[in-house]
Amino acid sequence: KGKVSKADMAVTMIKGLYVIEAAIKDQPAEQKYQIRQEKSLPQLNKLRAWLDKALQQTLPKGKTGEALAYLDKNWDKLTV
């Protein structure tokens, strides 16, 4: 009905990170780092801002709330 679910939004943003990783998979580590700083970091910042807002607007006991809490709990692992 024209609305994008929180799950769809999260998957779309995470998919963007996978696209960047696929594009740099054959690059040397130093170049990967530079590209990640340039392209992935802004995506991660956007995802974090969205996650913070979504956590406030979602019931924690529902499936979406649980998924968002999982992402929040594992954020440090994602951003290493």
N, C-alpha and C. Protein backbone atom coordinates (compact mmCIF):
# COMPACT_ATOMS: atom_id res chain seq x y z
N LYS A 1 0.82 -1.20 0.00
CA LYS A 1 0.00 0.00 0.00
C LYS A 1 0.85 1.25 0.00
N GLY A 2 2.03 1.16 -0.60
CA GLY A 2 2.90 2.33 -0.68
C GLY A 2 3.80 2.54 0.52
N LYS A 3 3.61 1.74 1.58
CA LYS A 3 4.45 1.88 2.76
C LYS A 3 5.58 0.87 2.71
N VAL A 4 6.73 1.31 3.16
CA VAL A 4 7.90 0.43 3.24
C VAL A 4 8.03 0.00 4.70
N SER A 5 8.09 -1.29 4.94
CA SER A 5 8.20 -1.78 6.31
C SER A 5 9.60 -1.51 6.86
N LYS A 6 9.70 -1.57 8.17
CA LYS A 6 11.00 -1.39 8.80
C LYS A 6 11.97 -2.49 8.36
N ALA A 7 11.45 -3.70 8.22
CA ALA A 7 12.30 -4.81 7.77
C ALA A 7 12.83 -4.55 6.36
N ASP A 8 11.97 -4.10 5.46
CA ASP A 8 12.40 -3.79 4.10
C ASP A 8 13.45 -2.68 4.09
N MET A 9 13.24 -1.69 4.93
CA MET A 9 14.17 -0.57 5.00
C MET A 9 15.54 -1.04 5.48
N ALA A 10 15.56 -1.86 6.53
CA ALA A 10 16.82 -2.37 7.06
C ALA A 10 17.54 -3.23 6.03
N VAL A 11 16.80 -4.12 5.39
CA VAL A 11 17.40 -5.01 4.38
C VAL A 11 17.98 -4.19 3.23
N THR A 12 17.29 -3.17 2.81
CA THR A 12 17.78 -2.32 1.72
C THR A 12 19.09 -1.64 2.10
N MET A 13 19.16 -1.12 3.32
CA MET A 13 20.39 -0.44 3.74
C MET A 13 21.54 -1.44 3.91
N ILE A 14 21.26 -2.60 4.44
CA ILE A 14 22.30 -3.61 4.61
C ILE A 14 22.74 -4.15 3.25
N LYS A 15 21.80 -4.29 2.34
CA LYS A 15 22.14 -4.73 0.99
C LYS A 15 23.13 -3.76 0.33
N GLY A 16 22.97 -2.48 0.60
CA GLY A 16 23.89 -1.48 0.08
C GLY A 16 25.32 -1.73 0.55
N LEU A 17 25.46 -2.18 1.79
CA LEU A 17 26.80 -2.52 2.30
C LEU A 17 27.37 -3.73 1.57
N TYR A 18 26.53 -4.71 1.30
CA TYR A 18 26.98 -5.89 0.57
C TYR A 18 27.42 -5.54 -0.85
N VAL A 19 26.74 -4.60 -1.48
CA VAL A 19 27.12 -4.16 -2.82
C VAL A 19 28.52 -3.55 -2.80
N ILE A 20 28.79 -2.73 -1.81
CA ILE A 20 30.12 -2.13 -1.67
C ILE A 20 31.16 -3.21 -1.45
N GLU A 21 30.89 -4.16 -0.56
CA GLU A 21 31.84 -5.24 -0.29
C GLU A 21 32.10 -6.09 -1.53
N ALA A 22 31.07 -6.37 -2.29
CA ALA A 22 31.25 -7.15 -3.51
C ALA A 22 32.14 -6.42 -4.51
N ALA A 23 31.99 -5.11 -4.57
CA ALA A 23 32.78 -4.32 -5.52
C ALA A 23 34.25 -4.24 -5.13
N ILE A 24 34.57 -4.40 -3.86
CA ILE A 24 35.97 -4.24 -3.43
C ILE A 24 36.62 -5.56 -3.03
N LYS A 25 35.97 -6.67 -3.29
CA LYS A 25 36.47 -7.95 -2.77
C LYS A 25 37.88 -8.30 -3.27
N ASP A 26 38.27 -7.83 -4.44
CA ASP A 26 39.58 -8.17 -4.99
C ASP A 26 40.62 -7.07 -4.76
N GLN A 27 40.25 -6.05 -4.01
CA GLN A 27 41.17 -4.94 -3.75
C GLN A 27 42.11 -5.29 -2.60
N PRO A 28 43.29 -4.68 -2.56
CA PRO A 28 44.17 -4.87 -1.41
C PRO A 28 43.54 -4.27 -0.14
N ALA A 29 43.97 -4.77 1.01
CA ALA A 29 43.38 -4.37 2.29
C ALA A 29 43.38 -2.85 2.50
N GLU A 30 44.46 -2.20 2.14
CA GLU A 30 44.56 -0.75 2.33
C GLU A 30 43.52 -0.01 1.50
N GLN A 31 43.31 -0.48 0.28
CA GLN A 31 42.31 0.15 -0.58
C GLN A 31 40.89 -0.14 -0.07
N LYS A 32 40.68 -1.36 0.43
CA LYS A 32 39.37 -1.70 1.00
C LYS A 32 39.06 -0.75 2.15
N TYR A 33 40.06 -0.53 2.99
CA TYR A 33 39.86 0.37 4.13
C TYR A 33 39.43 1.76 3.67
N GLN A 34 40.14 2.30 2.69
CA GLN A 34 39.83 3.64 2.18
C GLN A 34 38.42 3.70 1.60
N ILE A 35 38.06 2.71 0.82
CA ILE A 35 36.73 2.69 0.20
C ILE A 35 35.65 2.53 1.27
N ARG A 36 35.91 1.70 2.26
CA ARG A 36 34.94 1.54 3.35
C ARG A 36 34.73 2.84 4.10
N GLN A 37 35.82 3.57 4.34
CA GLN A 37 35.70 4.86 5.02
C GLN A 37 34.90 5.85 4.18
N GLU A 38 35.11 5.79 2.90
CA GLU A 38 34.47 6.74 1.98
C GLU A 38 33.01 6.37 1.68
N LYS A 39 32.73 5.07 1.51
CA LYS A 39 31.40 4.66 1.06
C LYS A 39 30.58 3.93 2.12
N SER A 40 31.21 3.02 2.85
CA SER A 40 30.46 2.23 3.82
C SER A 40 30.15 3.01 5.09
N LEU A 41 31.07 3.82 5.55
CA LEU A 41 30.85 4.57 6.78
C LEU A 41 29.61 5.47 6.71
N PRO A 42 29.41 6.21 5.62
CA PRO A 42 28.17 6.99 5.54
C PRO A 42 26.91 6.12 5.56
N GLN A 43 26.98 4.95 4.92
CA GLN A 43 25.85 4.01 4.93
C GLN A 43 25.58 3.53 6.35
N LEU A 44 26.65 3.19 7.08
CA LEU A 44 26.50 2.73 8.46
C LEU A 44 25.94 3.84 9.36
N ASN A 45 26.39 5.04 9.16
CA ASN A 45 25.87 6.17 9.94
C ASN A 45 24.38 6.37 9.68
N LYS A 46 23.99 6.24 8.43
CA LYS A 46 22.58 6.36 8.06
C LYS A 46 21.77 5.22 8.70
N LEU A 47 22.30 4.01 8.65
CA LEU A 47 21.63 2.86 9.25
C LEU A 47 21.50 3.05 10.76
N ARG A 48 22.55 3.54 11.42
CA ARG A 48 22.50 3.75 12.87
C ARG A 48 21.45 4.77 13.25
N ALA A 49 21.41 5.88 12.51
CA ALA A 49 20.41 6.92 12.79
C ALA A 49 19.00 6.37 12.61
N TRP A 50 18.81 5.61 11.55
CA TRP A 50 17.50 5.00 11.30
C TRP A 50 17.17 4.01 12.42
N LEU A 51 18.13 3.18 12.83
CA LEU A 51 17.91 2.19 13.87
C LEU A 51 17.52 2.85 15.19
N ASP A 52 18.20 3.91 15.56
CA ASP A 52 17.87 4.62 16.80
C ASP A 52 16.43 5.11 16.79
N LYS A 53 16.01 5.65 15.67
CA LYS A 53 14.64 6.14 15.54
C LYS A 53 13.64 4.98 15.54
N ALA A 54 13.96 3.92 14.79
CA ALA A 54 13.06 2.76 14.69
C ALA A 54 12.89 2.06 16.03
N LEU A 55 13.95 1.99 16.83
CA LEU A 55 13.85 1.36 18.15
C LEU A 55 12.85 2.08 19.04
N GLN A 56 12.77 3.38 18.91
CA GLN A 56 11.84 4.17 19.72
C GLN A 56 10.39 4.01 19.26
N GLN A 57 10.22 3.64 18.00
CA GLN A 57 8.88 3.59 17.42
C GLN A 57 8.32 2.17 17.31
N THR A 58 9.06 1.19 17.81
CA THR A 58 8.67 -0.21 17.62
C THR A 58 8.53 -0.90 18.96
N LEU A 59 7.48 -1.69 19.08
CA LEU A 59 7.28 -2.46 20.31
C LEU A 59 8.38 -3.50 20.43
N PRO A 60 9.04 -3.58 21.58
CA PRO A 60 10.19 -4.48 21.72
C PRO A 60 9.84 -5.96 21.71
N LYS A 61 8.61 -6.33 22.02
CA LYS A 61 8.23 -7.74 22.10
C LYS A 61 7.84 -8.34 20.74
N GLY A 62 7.57 -7.51 19.75
CA GLY A 62 7.20 -8.02 18.43
C GLY A 62 8.42 -8.52 17.67
N LYS A 63 8.19 -9.20 16.57
CA LYS A 63 9.28 -9.75 15.76
C LYS A 63 10.18 -8.64 15.22
N THR A 64 9.61 -7.55 14.77
CA THR A 64 10.41 -6.44 14.26
C THR A 64 11.23 -5.82 15.39
N GLY A 65 10.61 -5.65 16.54
CA GLY A 65 11.33 -5.11 17.70
C GLY A 65 12.49 -6.00 18.12
N GLU A 66 12.27 -7.30 18.08
CA GLU A 66 13.33 -8.24 18.43
C GLU A 66 14.48 -8.17 17.42
N ALA A 67 14.14 -8.06 16.14
CA ALA A 67 15.16 -7.97 15.10
C ALA A 67 15.96 -6.68 15.24
N LEU A 68 15.28 -5.59 15.52
CA LEU A 68 15.97 -4.31 15.70
C LEU A 68 16.86 -4.36 16.93
N ALA A 69 16.39 -4.98 18.00
CA ALA A 69 17.20 -5.12 19.21
C ALA A 69 18.44 -5.97 18.94
N TYR A 70 18.29 -7.00 18.12
CA TYR A 70 19.42 -7.85 17.74
C TYR A 70 20.47 -7.04 16.99
N LEU A 71 20.02 -6.23 16.04
CA LEU A 71 20.94 -5.38 15.30
C LEU A 71 21.64 -4.40 16.23
N ASP A 72 20.89 -3.82 17.14
CA ASP A 72 21.47 -2.88 18.09
C ASP A 72 22.50 -3.57 18.99
N LYS A 73 22.16 -4.75 19.48
CA LYS A 73 23.05 -5.49 20.37
C LYS A 73 24.35 -5.89 19.67
N ASN A 74 24.28 -6.15 18.37
CA ASN A 74 25.44 -6.61 17.61
C ASN A 74 26.10 -5.49 16.79
N TRP A 75 25.74 -4.27 17.06
CA TRP A 75 26.24 -3.13 16.27
C TRP A 75 27.77 -3.07 16.26
N ASP A 76 28.40 -3.28 17.40
CA ASP A 76 29.86 -3.20 17.46
C ASP A 76 30.52 -4.24 16.56
N LYS A 77 29.94 -5.42 16.48
CA LYS A 77 30.47 -6.46 15.60
C LYS A 77 30.33 -6.06 14.13
N LEU A 78 29.23 -5.43 13.81
CA LEU A 78 28.99 -5.00 12.43
C LEU A 78 29.97 -3.90 12.02
N THR A 79 30.33 -3.05 12.94
CA THR A 79 31.11 -1.87 12.59
C THR A 79 32.60 -1.98 12.87
N VAL A 80 33.07 -3.18 13.18
CA VAL A 80 34.51 -3.38 13.43
C VAL A 80 35.30 -2.99 12.20
